[in-house]
Amino acid sequence: MKMITCDKVTYDAIAHPKYGQFLNKKIDSYDEMALVVGQDMATGSFARTFANIDLDDINEGAKLGEIAEALKKFTEDNTPYVYEQVMSMENEGFNDDFLCKVFDFLTKNELEAKAFLTKKTKHRKIWLQKFAQG
């Protein structure tokens, strides 16, 4: 369970009373926030105490969740899927050796891979024919 914890004496000394509702309560979007901002302890001018955190913006958790989801998609390894899709073009008459070269090219050229994967089979076939011509 992820939460902001603090003993009563420390809380009374440094925190604003309006944040009492968040003390020792589960933070639903903790993992998403950690993905975005990390789990390291801030030091120096970047360090903040409980009193420095504006928890009025707690609804930002939904936005953090969206950012975290986008980061997950960005970092996902789609290489096996690209391989599967390229090699499926064997059914369209392309040989295995040629398709392996195409796969190697696409893994090095992300934008080309995205465009290739977006195309319908007949358009992939045209793309492969042009690729074969150089």
N, C-alpha and C. Protein backbone atom coordinates (compact mmCIF):
# COMPACT_ATOMS: atom_id res chain seq x y z
N MET A 1 0.86 -1.18 0.00
CA MET A 1 0.00 0.00 0.00
C MET A 1 0.89 1.23 0.00
N LYS A 2 0.64 2.16 -0.90
CA LYS A 2 1.44 3.38 -1.04
C LYS A 2 0.66 4.54 -0.43
N MET A 3 1.33 5.26 0.47
CA MET A 3 0.67 6.39 1.13
C MET A 3 1.69 7.36 1.70
N ILE A 4 1.23 8.55 2.03
CA ILE A 4 2.05 9.52 2.74
C ILE A 4 1.84 9.23 4.22
N THR A 5 2.94 8.92 4.91
CA THR A 5 2.83 8.61 6.34
C THR A 5 3.61 9.64 7.14
N CYS A 6 3.11 9.91 8.30
CA CYS A 6 3.74 10.91 9.16
C CYS A 6 3.13 10.75 10.56
N ASP A 7 3.98 10.91 11.58
CA ASP A 7 3.42 10.86 12.93
C ASP A 7 2.72 12.19 13.23
N LYS A 8 1.83 12.20 14.18
CA LYS A 8 1.00 13.37 14.49
C LYS A 8 1.83 14.58 14.90
N VAL A 9 2.86 14.38 15.68
CA VAL A 9 3.69 15.50 16.15
C VAL A 9 4.37 16.19 14.96
N THR A 10 4.96 15.42 14.07
CA THR A 10 5.62 15.99 12.89
C THR A 10 4.60 16.67 11.99
N TYR A 11 3.47 16.00 11.77
CA TYR A 11 2.43 16.57 10.92
C TYR A 11 1.95 17.92 11.47
N ASP A 12 1.67 17.98 12.75
CA ASP A 12 1.20 19.22 13.36
C ASP A 12 2.23 20.34 13.25
N ALA A 13 3.52 19.97 13.23
CA ALA A 13 4.58 20.97 13.19
C ALA A 13 4.81 21.53 11.79
N ILE A 14 4.62 20.71 10.72
CA ILE A 14 5.01 21.19 9.39
C ILE A 14 3.90 21.23 8.34
N ALA A 15 2.81 20.57 8.56
CA ALA A 15 1.81 20.46 7.50
C ALA A 15 0.65 21.42 7.72
N HIS A 16 0.06 21.81 6.64
CA HIS A 16 -1.12 22.67 6.69
C HIS A 16 -2.33 21.79 7.03
N PRO A 17 -3.23 22.26 7.88
CA PRO A 17 -4.39 21.46 8.29
C PRO A 17 -5.26 20.98 7.13
N LYS A 18 -5.30 21.71 6.04
CA LYS A 18 -6.18 21.30 4.92
C LYS A 18 -5.71 20.00 4.27
N TYR A 19 -4.47 19.57 4.55
CA TYR A 19 -3.96 18.34 3.96
C TYR A 19 -4.19 17.12 4.86
N GLY A 20 -4.82 17.31 5.97
CA GLY A 20 -5.07 16.23 6.90
C GLY A 20 -5.81 15.06 6.29
N GLN A 21 -6.67 15.34 5.34
CA GLN A 21 -7.44 14.28 4.69
C GLN A 21 -6.57 13.29 3.91
N PHE A 22 -5.33 13.70 3.57
CA PHE A 22 -4.45 12.83 2.79
C PHE A 22 -3.45 12.06 3.64
N LEU A 23 -3.34 12.42 4.91
CA LEU A 23 -2.37 11.80 5.79
C LEU A 23 -2.75 10.35 6.07
N ASN A 24 -1.79 9.46 5.91
CA ASN A 24 -1.96 8.03 6.17
C ASN A 24 -3.11 7.42 5.36
N LYS A 25 -3.32 7.94 4.16
CA LYS A 25 -4.34 7.42 3.25
C LYS A 25 -3.66 6.83 2.03
N LYS A 26 -4.24 5.80 1.47
CA LYS A 26 -3.72 5.16 0.28
C LYS A 26 -3.75 6.14 -0.89
N ILE A 27 -2.67 6.15 -1.69
CA ILE A 27 -2.60 6.98 -2.90
C ILE A 27 -2.85 6.04 -4.08
N ASP A 28 -4.03 6.15 -4.68
CA ASP A 28 -4.41 5.23 -5.75
C ASP A 28 -3.49 5.30 -6.97
N SER A 29 -3.01 6.47 -7.29
CA SER A 29 -2.20 6.63 -8.51
C SER A 29 -0.69 6.66 -8.21
N TYR A 30 -0.28 6.09 -7.07
CA TYR A 30 1.13 6.13 -6.68
C TYR A 30 2.03 5.51 -7.75
N ASP A 31 1.68 4.33 -8.25
CA ASP A 31 2.53 3.65 -9.23
C ASP A 31 2.66 4.47 -10.51
N GLU A 32 1.56 5.10 -10.93
CA GLU A 32 1.61 5.94 -12.12
C GLU A 32 2.51 7.16 -11.90
N MET A 33 2.38 7.77 -10.71
CA MET A 33 3.22 8.92 -10.38
C MET A 33 4.69 8.50 -10.32
N ALA A 34 4.96 7.33 -9.74
CA ALA A 34 6.33 6.84 -9.64
C ALA A 34 6.92 6.57 -11.01
N LEU A 35 6.10 6.09 -11.95
CA LEU A 35 6.57 5.84 -13.30
C LEU A 35 6.99 7.15 -13.95
N VAL A 36 6.25 8.21 -13.70
CA VAL A 36 6.54 9.51 -14.31
C VAL A 36 7.68 10.22 -13.61
N VAL A 37 7.66 10.28 -12.28
CA VAL A 37 8.64 11.08 -11.55
C VAL A 37 9.72 10.26 -10.87
N GLY A 38 9.62 8.95 -10.88
CA GLY A 38 10.63 8.11 -10.25
C GLY A 38 10.36 7.91 -8.77
N GLN A 39 11.21 7.11 -8.14
CA GLN A 39 11.05 6.80 -6.73
C GLN A 39 12.24 7.26 -5.91
N ASP A 40 13.10 8.05 -6.52
CA ASP A 40 14.28 8.53 -5.81
C ASP A 40 13.89 9.63 -4.82
N MET A 41 14.75 9.82 -3.84
CA MET A 41 14.56 10.88 -2.85
C MET A 41 15.21 12.15 -3.40
N ALA A 42 14.45 13.22 -3.43
CA ALA A 42 14.99 14.50 -3.90
C ALA A 42 15.94 15.07 -2.87
N THR A 43 16.95 15.80 -3.37
CA THR A 43 17.91 16.45 -2.47
C THR A 43 18.08 17.90 -2.90
N GLY A 44 18.68 18.68 -2.03
CA GLY A 44 19.00 20.07 -2.36
C GLY A 44 17.76 20.89 -2.66
N SER A 45 17.86 21.73 -3.67
CA SER A 45 16.76 22.64 -4.00
C SER A 45 15.53 21.92 -4.54
N PHE A 46 15.70 20.64 -4.93
CA PHE A 46 14.57 19.88 -5.45
C PHE A 46 13.77 19.19 -4.35
N ALA A 47 14.30 19.14 -3.16
CA ALA A 47 13.64 18.46 -2.05
C ALA A 47 12.42 19.26 -1.60
N ARG A 48 11.36 18.55 -1.26
CA ARG A 48 10.13 19.17 -0.76
C ARG A 48 9.67 18.41 0.46
N THR A 49 9.12 19.12 1.39
CA THR A 49 8.52 18.48 2.55
C THR A 49 7.04 18.32 2.28
N PHE A 50 6.38 17.63 3.18
CA PHE A 50 4.94 17.45 3.08
C PHE A 50 4.23 18.80 2.95
N ALA A 51 4.75 19.81 3.64
CA ALA A 51 4.14 21.14 3.63
C ALA A 51 4.27 21.82 2.28
N ASN A 52 5.28 21.43 1.46
CA ASN A 52 5.50 22.06 0.16
C ASN A 52 4.62 21.49 -0.94
N ILE A 53 3.98 20.38 -0.70
CA ILE A 53 3.19 19.71 -1.74
C ILE A 53 1.78 20.28 -1.77
N ASP A 54 1.36 20.73 -2.91
CA ASP A 54 0.01 21.29 -3.06
C ASP A 54 -0.94 20.15 -3.44
N LEU A 55 -1.52 19.55 -2.45
CA LEU A 55 -2.41 18.42 -2.69
C LEU A 55 -3.78 18.85 -3.20
N ASP A 56 -3.98 20.16 -3.39
CA ASP A 56 -5.22 20.60 -4.02
C ASP A 56 -5.31 20.10 -5.45
N ASP A 57 -4.16 19.80 -6.02
CA ASP A 57 -4.11 19.32 -7.40
C ASP A 57 -4.15 17.79 -7.47
N ILE A 58 -4.78 17.18 -6.49
CA ILE A 58 -4.82 15.72 -6.43
C ILE A 58 -5.53 15.12 -7.64
N ASN A 59 -6.41 15.88 -8.29
CA ASN A 59 -7.09 15.39 -9.49
C ASN A 59 -6.12 15.25 -10.65
N GLU A 60 -4.89 15.71 -10.48
CA GLU A 60 -3.86 15.53 -11.50
C GLU A 60 -3.53 14.04 -11.66
N GLY A 61 -3.98 13.22 -10.71
CA GLY A 61 -3.72 11.78 -10.79
C GLY A 61 -4.23 11.16 -12.06
N ALA A 62 -5.37 11.62 -12.55
CA ALA A 62 -5.91 11.10 -13.80
C ALA A 62 -4.97 11.43 -14.96
N LYS A 63 -4.45 12.65 -14.94
CA LYS A 63 -3.51 13.05 -16.00
C LYS A 63 -2.23 12.24 -15.89
N LEU A 64 -1.76 12.01 -14.66
CA LEU A 64 -0.57 11.19 -14.47
C LEU A 64 -0.80 9.78 -14.98
N GLY A 65 -1.99 9.26 -14.76
CA GLY A 65 -2.33 7.93 -15.26
C GLY A 65 -2.24 7.87 -16.78
N GLU A 66 -2.72 8.90 -17.45
CA GLU A 66 -2.65 8.96 -18.91
C GLU A 66 -1.20 9.02 -19.37
N ILE A 67 -0.39 9.82 -18.69
CA ILE A 67 1.02 9.94 -19.05
C ILE A 67 1.72 8.60 -18.84
N ALA A 68 1.42 7.95 -17.72
CA ALA A 68 2.04 6.66 -17.42
C ALA A 68 1.67 5.63 -18.48
N GLU A 69 0.42 5.62 -18.89
CA GLU A 69 -0.03 4.69 -19.92
C GLU A 69 0.68 4.95 -21.24
N ALA A 70 0.83 6.23 -21.59
CA ALA A 70 1.55 6.58 -22.82
C ALA A 70 3.00 6.14 -22.75
N LEU A 71 3.62 6.30 -21.58
CA LEU A 71 5.01 5.87 -21.42
C LEU A 71 5.14 4.36 -21.55
N LYS A 72 4.18 3.64 -21.00
CA LYS A 72 4.20 2.18 -21.12
C LYS A 72 4.14 1.77 -22.58
N LYS A 73 3.23 2.40 -23.33
CA LYS A 73 3.10 2.08 -24.76
C LYS A 73 4.37 2.44 -25.51
N PHE A 74 4.96 3.58 -25.14
CA PHE A 74 6.17 4.04 -25.80
C PHE A 74 7.33 3.07 -25.59
N THR A 75 7.40 2.49 -24.40
CA THR A 75 8.53 1.63 -24.07
C THR A 75 8.27 0.15 -24.34
N GLU A 76 7.07 -0.20 -24.77
CA GLU A 76 6.78 -1.59 -25.08
C GLU A 76 7.66 -2.07 -26.22
N ASP A 77 8.08 -3.31 -26.13
CA ASP A 77 8.89 -3.89 -27.20
C ASP A 77 7.95 -4.57 -28.19
N ASN A 78 7.78 -3.95 -29.35
CA ASN A 78 6.90 -4.48 -30.39
C ASN A 78 7.65 -5.33 -31.40
N THR A 79 8.91 -5.62 -31.14
CA THR A 79 9.73 -6.37 -32.10
C THR A 79 9.10 -7.72 -32.47
N PRO A 80 8.63 -8.51 -31.51
CA PRO A 80 8.02 -9.79 -31.90
C PRO A 80 6.80 -9.60 -32.82
N TYR A 81 6.01 -8.57 -32.56
CA TYR A 81 4.84 -8.30 -33.40
C TYR A 81 5.26 -7.90 -34.81
N VAL A 82 6.28 -7.05 -34.91
CA VAL A 82 6.79 -6.64 -36.23
C VAL A 82 7.27 -7.87 -36.98
N TYR A 83 8.02 -8.73 -36.30
CA TYR A 83 8.52 -9.96 -36.93
C TYR A 83 7.36 -10.81 -37.46
N GLU A 84 6.37 -11.01 -36.63
CA GLU A 84 5.20 -11.82 -37.01
C GLU A 84 4.51 -11.24 -38.25
N GLN A 85 4.33 -9.93 -38.26
CA GLN A 85 3.64 -9.30 -39.38
C GLN A 85 4.45 -9.35 -40.67
N VAL A 86 5.75 -9.13 -40.56
CA VAL A 86 6.61 -9.19 -41.75
C VAL A 86 6.64 -10.62 -42.29
N MET A 87 6.85 -11.58 -41.42
CA MET A 87 6.96 -12.97 -41.88
C MET A 87 5.64 -13.51 -42.41
N SER A 88 4.53 -12.90 -42.02
CA SER A 88 3.23 -13.34 -42.55
C SER A 88 3.11 -13.04 -44.04
N MET A 89 3.98 -12.20 -44.56
CA MET A 89 3.95 -11.86 -45.99
C MET A 89 4.52 -12.99 -46.85
N GLU A 90 5.01 -14.05 -46.20
CA GLU A 90 5.42 -15.25 -46.95
C GLU A 90 4.23 -15.80 -47.74
N ASN A 91 3.04 -15.65 -47.17
CA ASN A 91 1.82 -16.11 -47.85
C ASN A 91 1.55 -15.34 -49.13
N GLU A 92 2.19 -14.18 -49.28
CA GLU A 92 2.01 -13.35 -50.47
C GLU A 92 3.11 -13.59 -51.50
N GLY A 93 3.93 -14.62 -51.27
CA GLY A 93 4.93 -15.01 -52.26
C GLY A 93 6.34 -14.48 -52.03
N PHE A 94 6.60 -13.85 -50.90
CA PHE A 94 7.94 -13.35 -50.61
C PHE A 94 8.73 -14.41 -49.85
N ASN A 95 10.03 -14.54 -50.20
CA ASN A 95 10.81 -15.61 -49.56
C ASN A 95 11.32 -15.18 -48.18
N ASP A 96 11.65 -16.18 -47.42
CA ASP A 96 12.06 -16.02 -46.02
C ASP A 96 13.29 -15.13 -45.87
N ASP A 97 14.29 -15.32 -46.71
CA ASP A 97 15.53 -14.53 -46.63
C ASP A 97 15.25 -13.05 -46.87
N PHE A 98 14.45 -12.75 -47.88
CA PHE A 98 14.09 -11.36 -48.18
C PHE A 98 13.32 -10.74 -47.01
N LEU A 99 12.37 -11.49 -46.46
CA LEU A 99 11.57 -10.96 -45.35
C LEU A 99 12.42 -10.72 -44.10
N CYS A 100 13.44 -11.53 -43.89
CA CYS A 100 14.35 -11.30 -42.76
C CYS A 100 15.11 -9.99 -42.95
N LYS A 101 15.50 -9.68 -44.18
CA LYS A 101 16.17 -8.40 -44.47
C LYS A 101 15.21 -7.24 -44.22
N VAL A 102 13.95 -7.42 -44.63
CA VAL A 102 12.94 -6.39 -44.39
C VAL A 102 12.76 -6.18 -42.89
N PHE A 103 12.68 -7.27 -42.15
CA PHE A 103 12.53 -7.18 -40.70
C PHE A 103 13.69 -6.41 -40.07
N ASP A 104 14.92 -6.76 -40.47
CA ASP A 104 16.10 -6.05 -39.95
C ASP A 104 16.02 -4.56 -40.25
N PHE A 105 15.60 -4.22 -41.47
CA PHE A 105 15.46 -2.81 -41.85
C PHE A 105 14.42 -2.12 -40.97
N LEU A 106 13.27 -2.75 -40.78
CA LEU A 106 12.19 -2.13 -40.02
C LEU A 106 12.54 -1.96 -38.54
N THR A 107 13.32 -2.90 -37.99
CA THR A 107 13.69 -2.75 -36.58
C THR A 107 14.65 -1.59 -36.38
N LYS A 108 15.35 -1.19 -37.44
CA LYS A 108 16.27 -0.05 -37.36
C LYS A 108 15.59 1.26 -37.75
N ASN A 109 14.39 1.18 -38.32
CA ASN A 109 13.69 2.36 -38.82
C ASN A 109 12.25 2.36 -38.30
N GLU A 110 12.08 2.89 -37.10
CA GLU A 110 10.80 2.82 -36.41
C GLU A 110 9.64 3.44 -37.20
N LEU A 111 9.86 4.59 -37.83
CA LEU A 111 8.78 5.23 -38.58
C LEU A 111 8.36 4.38 -39.77
N GLU A 112 9.32 3.78 -40.45
CA GLU A 112 9.01 2.88 -41.57
C GLU A 112 8.21 1.67 -41.05
N ALA A 113 8.59 1.16 -39.89
CA ALA A 113 7.90 0.00 -39.31
C ALA A 113 6.46 0.36 -38.99
N LYS A 114 6.25 1.54 -38.39
CA LYS A 114 4.88 1.96 -38.06
C LYS A 114 4.04 2.09 -39.32
N ALA A 115 4.62 2.67 -40.36
CA ALA A 115 3.89 2.83 -41.62
C ALA A 115 3.57 1.47 -42.22
N PHE A 116 4.54 0.57 -42.20
CA PHE A 116 4.33 -0.77 -42.75
C PHE A 116 3.20 -1.50 -42.02
N LEU A 117 3.22 -1.43 -40.69
CA LEU A 117 2.21 -2.13 -39.89
C LEU A 117 0.82 -1.54 -40.06
N THR A 118 0.74 -0.28 -40.43
CA THR A 118 -0.55 0.37 -40.61
C THR A 118 -1.22 -0.04 -41.92
N LYS A 119 -0.42 -0.42 -42.89
CA LYS A 119 -0.93 -0.72 -44.23
C LYS A 119 -1.73 -2.03 -44.28
N LYS A 120 -2.68 -2.08 -45.20
CA LYS A 120 -3.39 -3.32 -45.51
C LYS A 120 -2.43 -4.24 -46.24
N THR A 121 -2.77 -5.51 -46.31
CA THR A 121 -1.89 -6.51 -46.94
C THR A 121 -1.52 -6.12 -48.36
N LYS A 122 -2.47 -5.67 -49.16
CA LYS A 122 -2.14 -5.34 -50.56
C LYS A 122 -1.16 -4.17 -50.64
N HIS A 123 -1.25 -3.23 -49.70
CA HIS A 123 -0.32 -2.11 -49.68
C HIS A 123 1.04 -2.52 -49.12
N ARG A 124 1.04 -3.47 -48.21
CA ARG A 124 2.32 -4.01 -47.71
C ARG A 124 3.05 -4.70 -48.86
N LYS A 125 2.29 -5.41 -49.68
CA LYS A 125 2.87 -6.11 -50.82
C LYS A 125 3.53 -5.12 -51.78
N ILE A 126 2.86 -4.02 -52.06
CA ILE A 126 3.43 -2.98 -52.93
C ILE A 126 4.69 -2.41 -52.29
N TRP A 127 4.64 -2.14 -50.98
CA TRP A 127 5.81 -1.61 -50.26
C TRP A 127 6.99 -2.57 -50.37
N LEU A 128 6.71 -3.87 -50.18
CA LEU A 128 7.77 -4.88 -50.26
C LEU A 128 8.36 -4.96 -51.66
N GLN A 129 7.52 -4.85 -52.68
CA GLN A 129 8.02 -4.88 -54.06
C GLN A 129 8.95 -3.70 -54.31
N LYS A 130 8.57 -2.53 -53.84
CA LYS A 130 9.43 -1.34 -54.00
C LYS A 130 10.72 -1.50 -53.21
N PHE A 131 10.62 -2.07 -52.02
CA PHE A 131 11.81 -2.29 -51.18
C PHE A 131 12.77 -3.22 -51.89
N ALA A 132 12.25 -4.24 -52.56
CA ALA A 132 13.08 -5.22 -53.26
C ALA A 132 13.83 -4.57 -54.43
N GLN A 133 13.23 -3.54 -55.01
CA GLN A 133 13.85 -2.86 -56.15
C GLN A 133 14.95 -1.90 -55.70
N GLY A 134 15.01 -1.62 -54.44
CA GLY A 134 16.06 -0.76 -53.91
C GLY A 134 15.57 0.58 -53.65
